[in-house]
Amino acid sequence: MPRMSTSPPRGQHFTPSTVADFIWSLLGDLGVRRSASIIDPAAGQGALLRAAVRWGAAREACVGLEIDAVVIDSTATRAGVRLGDGLLDAHFSAKGFDVVIGNPPFGRVREILSAEQIDALVENPLRRGLWGPGRDSTFPGRAVEPLFLLRAVDLARPGGVVAFILPDGFLCNRRLQGVRDCLLDVATPIVVVALPAGVFRRRGLNASTHVVVLRKAINSSFKTEMVERRHVKRGRLPETLQHMRADVANGKRTISVAAEELRGRRWDPGFWQGREALTAWSLGETVRLGNFIEHLTYGPIVTGEKAAHVPDGVRCIRQGDFTDTGLRRTPQLCVYRNSVHDPSRSRVRQGDLLLPRSGAGSLGKNRLAVYLEERPANVGCFVDVIRLKGINPFFVWAFLRSRPGWAQIRAVINGVGTPNISFDEIRALRLPPLPRLAQERMEQRYRQEVLDLHLRGEDDERAAAEAGMRFAAVVEDLEAEMQD
């Protein structure tokens, strides 16, 4: 057995009792019996096993393995947690459990596993099933969660259930598509629930997560229920989770996806919600935004040197400079002209469309802007410059703020905790071929109805609110025009 860790836990994020109770209620609704045999191969302090007992499972039917001796206390021991390597311990492989449940550590293999464990995985079936045999030098840098998930499927009996808490990145990231497809060869997703934001938020951790429930069986015609993320108010998590349990039972705020459709695609509900919202619009013929992009870049990534504010310098446009109706008038940061923070490739021109490429408070709120000033400017590393040719940038801005535009962005933004959008995803966005005069009308209306209020809104909350309502009216009129 690999050497047990006596260092502080790494990659661990213990499960709140409310979330553990929610998962077991969900499993009960899906037909899991209270007589089930249960194992948690990354049990931590045993929160998921204690919840199983509260739900009605027999304590003696619960087994938990935890490799970190520091984590195991009297509470964990009473929950059935014992010292052991749930990833590689061969003792339990042939048992076949009814339920394998877990909240595995998140992170890279080299950050989570010991050198002995990594060596043991070189020719292990888990490793070979995902990335092939041998000493691949990239293996230590890969995500560790797929190893735990495939191990969970291995521990389940045929027809048994696996219920795991996983980071958004596992379901979203393109580089893990092969892993997701590999899992479809041995199991069928039953339910994917996007947990409310903030469930795993503390100092040094802000992970957005999903609960993924799979059955160890292959049924490509089975419908996977995708449950969208709900906003939770402070102190209302138990109530919100009950609403989400009802969503699954009643089919509300959910989308049913045939398991065969998941192959080659993302698994997160947000992606499928976005696809459904887009197909609900009869846009007819559409064109790729990439057809009109003349220049696409982001701001400089400068390590080891923080930009100093230079009052008379070149404005640096960052994520926090965006509002719902455009850029803030007063720059928060100006940098030295021609410095490393002002490269020529990312300088902004009047009429450029600017898009924060990450961040829940900017990209996640669908905030964009067209640069209107003549004064020189550049962008920060988390802002994209989209220079367009043959299409009006104000029309593109208004369309991406519309429901079919936002649906596409929602369907592609990804990441663990922080939404992101790539250059390829930006180029792939689709727009209706609106006549040129209609496009120019979007610009005229913004300048005449919104711009003055937007500029005043920095110092006047009423003006800001009115600017938001007027811009929303412009977008709504565009939606109506697209449906005519």
Protein backbone atom coordinates (compact mmCIF):
# COMPACT_ATOMS: atom_id res chain seq x y z
CA MET A 1 0.00 0.00 0.00
CA PRO A 2 1.35 3.47 -0.78
CA ARG A 3 2.75 5.54 2.06
CA MET A 4 0.00 7.30 4.00
CA SER A 5 0.08 11.07 4.03
CA THR A 6 0.71 12.91 7.26
CA SER A 7 0.69 16.35 5.59
CA PRO A 8 -2.29 18.71 5.48
CA PRO A 9 -5.01 17.65 3.01
CA ARG A 10 -4.47 18.71 -0.60
CA GLY A 11 -7.26 19.17 -3.13
CA GLN A 12 -9.84 18.32 -0.46
CA HIS A 13 -13.12 20.16 -0.02
CA PHE A 14 -15.36 18.50 2.53
CA THR A 15 -19.01 18.02 1.66
CA PRO A 16 -21.56 20.18 3.52
CA SER A 17 -24.18 18.05 5.27
CA THR A 18 -26.99 19.78 3.36
CA VAL A 19 -25.44 18.73 0.05
CA ALA A 20 -24.83 15.18 1.29
CA ASP A 21 -28.47 14.89 2.40
CA PHE A 22 -29.61 16.27 -0.97
CA ILE A 23 -27.64 13.61 -2.86
CA TRP A 24 -29.14 10.78 -0.83
CA SER A 25 -32.66 12.17 -1.23
CA LEU A 26 -32.00 12.32 -4.97
CA LEU A 27 -30.75 8.72 -5.01
CA GLY A 28 -33.84 7.61 -3.11
CA ASP A 29 -36.06 9.33 -5.66
CA LEU A 30 -34.15 7.45 -8.39
CA GLY A 31 -34.98 4.09 -6.82
CA VAL A 32 -31.90 3.31 -4.70
CA ARG A 33 -32.97 1.09 -1.80
CA ARG A 34 -32.07 1.66 1.84
CA SER A 35 -30.67 -1.87 1.96
CA ALA A 36 -27.95 -0.90 -0.54
CA SER A 37 -24.28 -1.67 0.03
CA ILE A 38 -22.29 1.56 -0.11
CA ILE A 39 -18.66 2.61 -0.50
CA ASP A 40 -16.97 6.00 -0.61
CA PRO A 41 -13.41 5.60 -1.97
CA ALA A 42 -12.38 9.16 -1.01
CA ALA A 43 -14.38 9.48 2.18
CA GLY A 44 -12.60 12.31 3.98
CA GLN A 45 -14.43 12.79 7.28
CA GLY A 46 -17.38 10.63 6.17
CA ALA A 47 -20.02 13.28 5.47
CA LEU A 48 -21.59 11.29 2.63
CA LEU A 49 -21.70 8.11 4.70
CA ARG A 50 -23.24 9.86 7.72
CA ALA A 51 -25.89 11.25 5.36
CA ALA A 52 -26.51 7.71 4.08
CA VAL A 53 -27.29 6.57 7.64
CA ARG A 54 -29.58 9.59 8.21
CA TRP A 55 -31.35 8.65 4.99
CA GLY A 56 -31.94 5.10 6.27
CA ALA A 57 -28.99 2.98 5.14
CA ALA A 58 -27.53 0.46 7.59
CA ARG A 59 -24.34 1.71 9.21
CA GLU A 60 -22.68 -1.70 8.77
CA ALA A 61 -23.38 -1.53 5.01
CA CYS A 62 -21.28 1.63 4.64
CA VAL A 63 -17.57 1.51 3.89
CA GLY A 64 -15.30 4.52 3.51
CA LEU A 65 -11.64 4.70 2.56
CA GLU A 66 -9.42 7.70 3.25
CA ILE A 67 -5.70 7.78 2.57
CA ASP A 68 -4.91 10.83 4.70
CA ALA A 69 -4.50 9.81 8.34
CA VAL A 70 -4.76 13.44 9.42
CA VAL A 71 -8.35 13.61 8.17
CA ILE A 72 -9.64 10.51 9.96
CA ASP A 73 -11.05 11.43 13.38
CA SER A 74 -13.52 9.75 15.73
CA THR A 75 -16.45 11.13 13.74
CA ALA A 76 -15.09 9.63 10.52
CA THR A 77 -14.42 6.30 12.23
CA ARG A 78 -18.00 6.12 13.52
CA ALA A 79 -19.19 6.74 9.94
CA GLY A 80 -17.30 3.64 8.75
CA VAL A 81 -14.20 5.41 7.39
CA ARG A 82 -10.97 3.48 7.61
CA LEU A 83 -7.40 4.17 6.52
CA GLY A 84 -6.87 2.94 2.97
CA ASP A 85 -6.23 3.86 -0.65
CA GLY A 86 -9.60 3.96 -2.35
CA LEU A 87 -7.97 4.52 -5.72
CA LEU A 88 -5.61 1.53 -5.78
CA ASP A 89 -6.54 -0.85 -2.93
CA ALA A 90 -7.40 -4.13 -4.70
CA HIS A 91 -9.23 -5.61 -1.68
CA PHE A 92 -12.62 -4.13 -2.64
CA SER A 93 -12.44 -4.48 -6.42
CA ALA A 94 -14.33 -7.78 -6.65
CA LYS A 95 -17.12 -6.94 -4.18
CA GLY A 96 -19.45 -4.97 -6.42
CA PHE A 97 -21.30 -2.29 -4.41
CA ASP A 98 -24.84 -1.10 -5.04
CA VAL A 99 -23.80 2.54 -4.60
CA VAL A 100 -20.39 4.15 -4.99
CA ILE A 101 -20.54 7.72 -3.78
CA GLY A 102 -17.85 10.32 -3.46
CA ASN A 103 -16.50 13.83 -3.49
CA PRO A 104 -12.96 13.21 -4.77
CA PRO A 105 -10.12 15.72 -4.50
CA PHE A 106 -9.91 18.22 -7.36
CA GLY A 107 -6.59 19.04 -8.99
CA ARG A 108 -3.66 17.64 -10.94
CA VAL A 109 -2.37 14.12 -10.44
CA ARG A 110 1.01 15.41 -9.21
CA GLU A 111 -0.70 17.71 -6.68
CA ILE A 112 -2.90 15.00 -5.17
CA LEU A 113 -1.19 11.63 -5.48
CA SER A 114 2.08 10.46 -3.96
CA ALA A 115 5.03 9.39 -6.09
CA GLU A 116 4.28 5.77 -5.10
CA GLN A 117 0.70 6.06 -6.32
CA ILE A 118 1.77 7.60 -9.62
CA ASP A 119 4.27 4.76 -10.12
CA ALA A 120 1.56 2.20 -9.34
CA LEU A 121 -0.72 3.75 -11.97
CA VAL A 122 1.74 3.35 -14.85
CA GLU A 123 0.26 0.01 -15.93
CA ASN A 124 -2.96 0.15 -13.89
CA PRO A 125 -6.25 -0.53 -15.76
CA LEU A 126 -7.60 2.84 -14.60
CA ARG A 127 -4.70 4.63 -16.25
CA ARG A 128 -4.74 2.46 -19.38
CA GLY A 129 -8.49 2.93 -19.78
CA LEU A 130 -8.14 6.71 -19.90
CA TRP A 131 -4.71 7.60 -21.28
CA GLY A 132 -2.98 4.42 -22.32
CA PRO A 133 -0.08 2.54 -20.74
CA GLY A 134 3.50 3.59 -20.10
CA ARG A 135 5.30 6.51 -18.53
CA ASP A 136 3.68 9.40 -20.36
CA SER A 137 5.39 12.56 -19.11
CA THR A 138 2.10 14.51 -19.33
CA PHE A 139 0.24 12.16 -16.98
CA PRO A 140 1.20 13.93 -13.70
CA GLY A 141 -0.25 17.17 -15.08
CA ARG A 142 -3.66 15.68 -15.90
CA ALA A 143 -6.80 16.04 -13.78
CA VAL A 144 -7.11 13.46 -11.02
CA GLU A 145 -10.94 13.33 -10.86
CA PRO A 146 -11.34 10.98 -13.88
CA LEU A 147 -9.22 8.36 -12.14
CA PHE A 148 -11.50 8.40 -9.09
CA LEU A 149 -14.62 8.32 -11.26
CA LEU A 150 -13.47 5.35 -13.33
CA ARG A 151 -12.43 3.62 -10.10
CA ALA A 152 -15.96 4.23 -8.78
CA VAL A 153 -17.46 2.54 -11.84
CA ASP A 154 -15.08 -0.37 -11.30
CA LEU A 155 -16.26 -0.73 -7.67
CA ALA A 156 -19.97 -0.72 -8.61
CA ARG A 157 -21.79 -3.95 -9.37
CA PRO A 158 -23.34 -4.34 -12.84
CA GLY A 159 -26.42 -2.10 -12.75
CA GLY A 160 -25.10 -0.31 -9.66
CA VAL A 161 -25.09 3.46 -9.22
CA VAL A 162 -22.22 5.94 -9.01
CA ALA A 163 -22.93 9.40 -7.54
CA PHE A 164 -20.00 11.83 -7.56
CA ILE A 165 -19.49 15.53 -6.96
CA LEU A 166 -17.31 16.82 -9.80
CA PRO A 167 -15.97 20.23 -10.83
CA ASP A 168 -17.52 22.04 -13.78
CA GLY A 169 -14.30 21.59 -15.72
CA PHE A 170 -14.73 17.82 -15.85
CA LEU A 171 -18.05 18.24 -17.66
CA CYS A 172 -17.05 21.23 -19.80
CA ASN A 173 -13.41 21.18 -20.78
CA ARG A 174 -12.65 20.05 -24.30
CA ARG A 175 -9.43 18.28 -23.31
CA LEU A 176 -11.48 15.90 -21.13
CA GLN A 177 -13.90 14.92 -23.90
CA GLY A 178 -12.04 11.63 -24.46
CA VAL A 179 -12.43 10.82 -20.76
CA ARG A 180 -16.17 11.49 -20.87
CA ASP A 181 -16.53 9.32 -23.96
CA CYS A 182 -14.52 6.56 -22.25
CA LEU A 183 -16.99 6.59 -19.36
CA LEU A 184 -19.91 6.24 -21.79
CA ASP A 185 -18.39 2.89 -22.79
CA VAL A 186 -18.99 1.49 -19.30
CA ALA A 187 -21.79 3.59 -17.74
CA THR A 188 -24.84 5.71 -18.57
CA PRO A 189 -25.42 9.14 -16.98
CA ILE A 190 -28.82 9.26 -15.27
CA VAL A 191 -28.88 12.77 -13.80
CA VAL A 192 -26.51 15.73 -13.92
CA VAL A 193 -27.32 18.48 -11.41
CA ALA A 194 -25.50 21.82 -11.41
CA LEU A 195 -25.05 22.67 -7.73
CA PRO A 196 -25.62 26.30 -6.69
CA ALA A 197 -22.58 28.56 -6.85
CA GLY A 198 -20.80 29.02 -3.53
CA VAL A 199 -21.36 25.51 -2.17
CA PHE A 200 -17.59 24.98 -2.19
CA ARG A 201 -16.36 28.49 -1.55
CA ARG A 202 -13.88 29.33 1.16
CA ARG A 203 -10.48 30.95 1.44
CA GLY A 204 -8.38 29.56 -1.39
CA LEU A 205 -11.27 27.62 -2.95
CA ASN A 206 -14.07 28.64 -5.29
CA ALA A 207 -15.11 25.55 -7.22
CA SER A 208 -18.36 25.34 -9.16
CA THR A 209 -19.57 21.76 -9.11
CA HIS A 210 -22.11 19.24 -10.38
CA VAL A 211 -23.58 16.07 -8.97
CA VAL A 212 -23.25 13.35 -11.60
CA VAL A 213 -25.23 10.11 -11.18
CA LEU A 214 -24.37 7.19 -13.47
CA ARG A 215 -25.54 3.60 -13.77
CA LYS A 216 -22.99 0.89 -14.52
CA ALA A 217 -24.68 -0.21 -17.72
CA ILE A 218 -24.67 0.92 -21.35
CA ASN A 219 -27.98 2.26 -22.63
CA SER A 220 -27.46 4.80 -25.40
CA SER A 221 -31.21 5.43 -25.76
CA PHE A 222 -31.63 6.36 -22.08
CA LYS A 223 -32.53 9.98 -21.38
CA THR A 224 -30.16 11.87 -19.06
CA GLU A 225 -31.88 14.56 -16.98
CA MET A 226 -29.94 17.82 -17.02
CA VAL A 227 -30.83 20.10 -14.10
CA GLU A 228 -29.80 23.73 -14.39
CA ARG A 229 -28.08 25.69 -11.63
CA ARG A 230 -30.27 27.74 -9.28
CA HIS A 231 -29.22 30.94 -7.56
CA VAL A 232 -29.09 30.60 -3.78
CA LYS A 233 -29.56 33.43 -1.32
CA ARG A 234 -27.43 33.57 1.81
CA GLY A 235 -28.60 31.00 4.34
CA ARG A 236 -31.14 29.44 1.94
CA LEU A 237 -29.09 26.51 0.56
CA PRO A 238 -31.27 23.72 2.09
CA GLU A 239 -34.42 25.29 0.65
CA THR A 240 -32.79 25.79 -2.76
CA LEU A 241 -31.64 22.17 -2.87
CA GLN A 242 -35.18 21.02 -2.07
CA HIS A 243 -36.42 23.06 -5.01
CA MET A 244 -33.82 21.38 -7.21
CA ARG A 245 -34.90 17.95 -6.00
CA ALA A 246 -38.44 18.88 -7.02
CA ASP A 247 -37.08 20.03 -10.40
CA VAL A 248 -35.81 16.50 -11.03
CA ALA A 249 -39.06 14.89 -9.88
CA ASN A 250 -41.31 17.22 -11.87
CA GLY A 251 -39.15 17.70 -14.92
CA LYS A 252 -39.06 21.48 -14.44
CA ARG A 253 -35.96 23.51 -15.25
CA THR A 254 -34.55 20.31 -16.74
CA ILE A 255 -33.68 19.03 -20.20
CA SER A 256 -33.74 15.36 -21.21
CA VAL A 257 -30.80 14.38 -23.41
CA ALA A 258 -30.35 10.96 -25.01
CA ALA A 259 -27.15 9.44 -23.65
CA GLU A 260 -25.89 8.84 -27.19
CA GLU A 261 -25.99 12.61 -27.78
CA LEU A 262 -23.45 13.11 -25.00
CA ARG A 263 -20.71 11.41 -26.96
CA GLY A 264 -18.35 14.03 -28.32
CA ARG A 265 -20.15 16.79 -26.40
CA ARG A 266 -20.12 18.48 -23.03
CA TRP A 267 -22.14 17.11 -20.12
CA ASP A 268 -23.01 20.28 -18.22
CA PRO A 269 -26.68 21.36 -18.07
CA GLY A 270 -25.75 24.95 -18.99
CA PHE A 271 -24.54 23.78 -22.40
CA TRP A 272 -27.76 21.90 -23.12
CA GLN A 273 -29.93 24.69 -21.73
CA GLY A 274 -28.18 27.07 -24.12
CA ARG A 275 -28.67 24.75 -27.10
CA GLU A 276 -32.36 24.37 -26.35
CA ALA A 277 -32.85 28.12 -25.92
CA LEU A 278 -31.18 28.75 -29.27
CA THR A 279 -33.22 26.15 -31.15
CA ALA A 280 -36.39 27.74 -29.74
CA TRP A 281 -35.63 30.74 -31.99
CA SER A 282 -36.38 30.40 -35.69
CA LEU A 283 -33.51 32.50 -36.93
CA GLY A 284 -33.45 30.83 -40.32
CA GLU A 285 -30.14 31.16 -42.13
CA THR A 286 -27.29 32.29 -39.89
CA VAL A 287 -23.68 33.30 -40.43
CA ARG A 288 -20.57 32.76 -38.30
CA LEU A 289 -19.25 35.76 -36.43
CA GLY A 290 -15.80 34.57 -37.49
CA ASN A 291 -16.63 35.49 -41.09
CA PHE A 292 -16.46 39.16 -40.06
CA ILE A 293 -13.54 39.12 -37.60
CA GLU A 294 -10.56 41.00 -38.95
CA HIS A 295 -8.51 40.94 -35.73
CA LEU A 296 -8.99 38.99 -32.50
CA THR A 297 -6.64 39.19 -29.54
CA TYR A 298 -6.40 39.70 -25.79
CA GLY A 299 -4.29 41.95 -23.63
CA PRO A 300 -0.72 41.30 -22.50
CA ILE A 301 0.06 38.68 -19.88
CA VAL A 302 2.86 40.19 -17.82
CA THR A 303 4.32 38.12 -15.00
CA GLY A 304 6.27 39.53 -12.12
CA GLU A 305 5.38 43.16 -12.79
CA LYS A 306 2.20 44.86 -11.64
CA ALA A 307 1.07 47.75 -13.78
CA ALA A 308 1.43 51.15 -12.10
CA HIS A 309 -1.27 53.77 -12.67
CA VAL A 310 -0.01 56.65 -14.82
CA PRO A 311 -2.62 59.46 -14.89
CA ASP A 312 -1.59 60.68 -18.36
CA GLY A 313 -0.90 57.22 -19.76
CA VAL A 314 -2.75 54.88 -22.07
CA ARG A 315 -6.05 53.62 -20.71
CA CYS A 316 -6.06 49.91 -19.84
CA ILE A 317 -9.56 48.38 -20.15
CA ARG A 318 -10.11 45.55 -17.69
CA GLN A 319 -13.05 43.32 -16.68
CA GLY A 320 -14.22 45.72 -13.97
CA ASP A 321 -14.58 48.56 -16.49
CA PHE A 322 -17.64 46.95 -18.10
CA THR A 323 -21.24 47.72 -17.15
CA ASP A 324 -24.49 46.47 -18.65
CA THR A 325 -24.56 49.41 -21.06
CA GLY A 326 -20.90 49.93 -21.99
CA LEU A 327 -17.56 50.98 -20.55
CA ARG A 328 -17.16 53.08 -17.45
CA ARG A 329 -16.26 56.64 -18.37
CA THR A 330 -13.43 57.04 -15.85
CA PRO A 331 -10.50 54.65 -16.35
CA GLN A 332 -9.32 52.80 -13.28
CA LEU A 333 -5.88 52.14 -14.74
CA CYS A 334 -3.65 53.93 -17.24
CA VAL A 335 -0.24 52.56 -18.18
CA TYR A 336 2.97 53.87 -19.73
CA ARG A 337 2.75 54.21 -23.51
CA ASN A 338 4.74 51.52 -25.40
CA SER A 339 5.46 49.63 -22.18
CA VAL A 340 4.96 45.86 -21.79
CA HIS A 341 1.41 46.72 -20.69
CA ASP A 342 0.76 48.56 -23.97
CA PRO A 343 1.76 46.24 -26.83
CA SER A 344 0.73 47.33 -30.32
CA ARG A 345 -1.09 44.05 -31.08
CA SER A 346 -3.83 44.70 -28.48
CA ARG A 347 -4.30 48.44 -28.88
CA VAL A 348 -7.96 49.36 -29.24
CA ARG A 349 -9.46 51.32 -32.10
CA GLN A 350 -12.69 53.28 -32.15
CA GLY A 351 -15.47 50.87 -33.13
CA ASP A 352 -13.81 47.72 -31.76
CA LEU A 353 -16.09 45.31 -29.93
CA LEU A 354 -14.67 44.44 -26.50
CA LEU A 355 -15.55 41.24 -24.69
CA PRO A 356 -14.37 40.14 -21.22
CA ARG A 357 -13.24 36.59 -21.90
CA SER A 358 -13.72 35.35 -18.34
CA GLY A 359 -15.24 36.22 -14.99
CA ALA A 360 -18.64 35.67 -13.39
CA GLY A 361 -19.11 39.42 -12.94
CA SER A 362 -18.41 40.35 -16.56
CA LEU A 363 -18.61 37.50 -19.08
CA GLY A 364 -21.00 35.69 -16.72
CA LYS A 365 -23.30 38.75 -16.83
CA ASN A 366 -22.99 39.08 -20.63
CA ARG A 367 -21.26 42.45 -20.48
CA LEU A 368 -19.68 43.78 -23.69
CA ALA A 369 -18.95 47.21 -25.13
CA VAL A 370 -18.05 49.04 -28.31
CA TYR A 371 -15.10 51.39 -27.84
CA LEU A 372 -16.30 54.91 -28.67
CA GLU A 373 -13.41 57.19 -27.74
CA GLU A 374 -10.56 58.52 -29.84
CA ARG A 375 -8.05 58.47 -26.98
CA PRO A 376 -5.55 55.59 -27.13
CA ALA A 377 -6.38 52.48 -25.13
CA ASN A 378 -5.28 48.92 -24.61
CA VAL A 379 -6.89 45.97 -22.85
CA GLY A 380 -6.03 43.78 -19.90
CA CYS A 381 -5.21 40.10 -20.29
CA PHE A 382 -8.80 39.04 -19.56
CA VAL A 383 -10.40 41.23 -22.22
CA ASP A 384 -10.65 40.37 -25.93
CA VAL A 385 -10.49 42.88 -28.77
CA ILE A 386 -12.81 41.89 -31.64
CA ARG A 387 -12.22 44.02 -34.75
CA LEU A 388 -15.01 43.50 -37.27
CA LYS A 389 -15.30 44.11 -41.00
CA GLY A 390 -18.52 44.04 -43.02
CA ILE A 391 -20.87 44.07 -40.02
CA ASN A 392 -21.92 46.77 -37.57
CA PRO A 393 -20.38 46.21 -34.11
CA PHE A 394 -23.42 47.73 -32.37
CA PHE A 395 -25.65 45.14 -34.04
CA VAL A 396 -23.32 42.35 -32.89
CA TRP A 397 -23.33 43.82 -29.38
CA ALA A 398 -27.13 44.00 -29.27
CA PHE A 399 -27.51 40.51 -30.73
CA LEU A 400 -25.14 38.94 -28.21
CA ARG A 401 -27.19 40.63 -25.49
CA SER A 402 -30.38 39.09 -26.92
CA ARG A 403 -31.78 35.76 -25.79
CA PRO A 404 -30.55 33.73 -28.80
CA GLY A 405 -27.14 35.43 -28.57
CA TRP A 406 -26.79 34.90 -24.82
CA ALA A 407 -27.98 31.31 -25.21
CA GLN A 408 -24.97 30.62 -27.43
CA ILE A 409 -22.55 32.22 -24.99
CA ARG A 410 -24.08 30.31 -22.07
CA ALA A 411 -23.69 27.10 -24.05
CA VAL A 412 -19.94 27.50 -24.48
CA ILE A 413 -18.54 29.35 -21.47
CA ASN A 414 -16.64 26.88 -19.35
CA GLY A 415 -14.11 26.49 -16.62
CA VAL A 416 -13.82 25.52 -12.95
CA GLY A 417 -15.45 28.27 -10.90
CA THR A 418 -14.78 30.98 -13.49
CA PRO A 419 -16.56 31.10 -16.87
CA ASN A 420 -14.30 31.41 -19.91
CA ILE A 421 -14.76 31.66 -23.68
CA SER A 422 -12.11 30.79 -26.27
CA PHE A 423 -11.26 32.39 -29.62
CA ASP A 424 -12.70 29.37 -31.49
CA GLU A 425 -15.94 29.64 -29.53
CA ILE A 426 -16.18 33.37 -30.29
CA ARG A 427 -15.67 32.77 -34.00
CA ALA A 428 -18.30 30.00 -33.99
CA LEU A 429 -21.10 32.23 -32.63
CA ARG A 430 -23.97 32.49 -35.14
CA LEU A 431 -25.88 35.64 -36.14
CA PRO A 432 -28.85 36.29 -38.40
CA PRO A 433 -27.94 38.18 -41.63
CA LEU A 434 -29.81 41.39 -40.72
CA PRO A 435 -29.91 44.01 -43.51
CA ARG A 436 -27.28 46.70 -43.26
CA LEU A 437 -29.79 49.50 -42.63
CA ALA A 438 -31.33 47.51 -39.77
CA GLN A 439 -27.85 47.00 -38.29
CA GLU A 440 -27.10 50.71 -38.48
CA ARG A 441 -30.40 51.42 -36.73
CA MET A 442 -29.04 49.55 -33.70
CA GLU A 443 -26.12 51.97 -33.56
CA GLN A 444 -28.35 55.03 -34.02
CA ARG A 445 -30.67 53.96 -31.23
CA TYR A 446 -27.81 53.27 -28.84
CA ARG A 447 -26.23 56.65 -29.48
CA GLN A 448 -29.53 58.55 -29.30
CA GLU A 449 -31.36 56.68 -26.52
CA VAL A 450 -28.72 55.05 -24.30
CA LEU A 451 -25.31 56.69 -24.54
CA ASP A 452 -25.95 59.96 -22.69
CA LEU A 453 -27.69 58.15 -19.81
CA HIS A 454 -24.86 55.60 -19.72
CA LEU A 455 -22.24 58.34 -19.40
CA ARG A 456 -24.20 60.05 -16.63
CA GLY A 457 -24.84 56.75 -14.91
CA GLU A 458 -21.40 56.56 -13.37
CA ASP A 459 -22.44 59.32 -10.95
CA ASP A 460 -26.23 58.92 -11.10
CA GLU A 461 -27.89 55.62 -10.21
CA ARG A 462 -31.20 56.68 -11.75
CA ALA A 463 -29.51 57.47 -15.05
CA ALA A 464 -27.73 54.10 -14.97
CA ALA A 465 -31.00 52.27 -14.36
CA GLU A 466 -32.73 54.18 -17.15
CA ALA A 467 -29.84 53.44 -19.52
CA GLY A 468 -30.22 49.74 -18.72
CA MET A 469 -33.95 49.79 -19.43
CA ARG A 470 -33.52 51.65 -22.71
CA PHE A 471 -30.78 49.32 -23.90
CA ALA A 472 -32.96 46.35 -22.96
CA ALA A 473 -35.75 47.88 -25.10
CA VAL A 474 -33.35 48.13 -28.06
CA VAL A 475 -32.45 44.45 -27.63
CA GLU A 476 -36.11 43.43 -27.29
CA ASP A 477 -36.99 45.27 -30.51
CA LEU A 478 -34.12 43.44 -32.24
CA GLU A 479 -35.52 40.13 -31.01
CA ALA A 480 -38.94 41.02 -32.39
CA GLU A 481 -37.40 42.02 -35.74
CA MET A 482 -35.55 38.71 -35.97
CA GLN A 483 -38.78 36.79 -35.48
CA ASP A 484 -40.75 38.71 -38.12
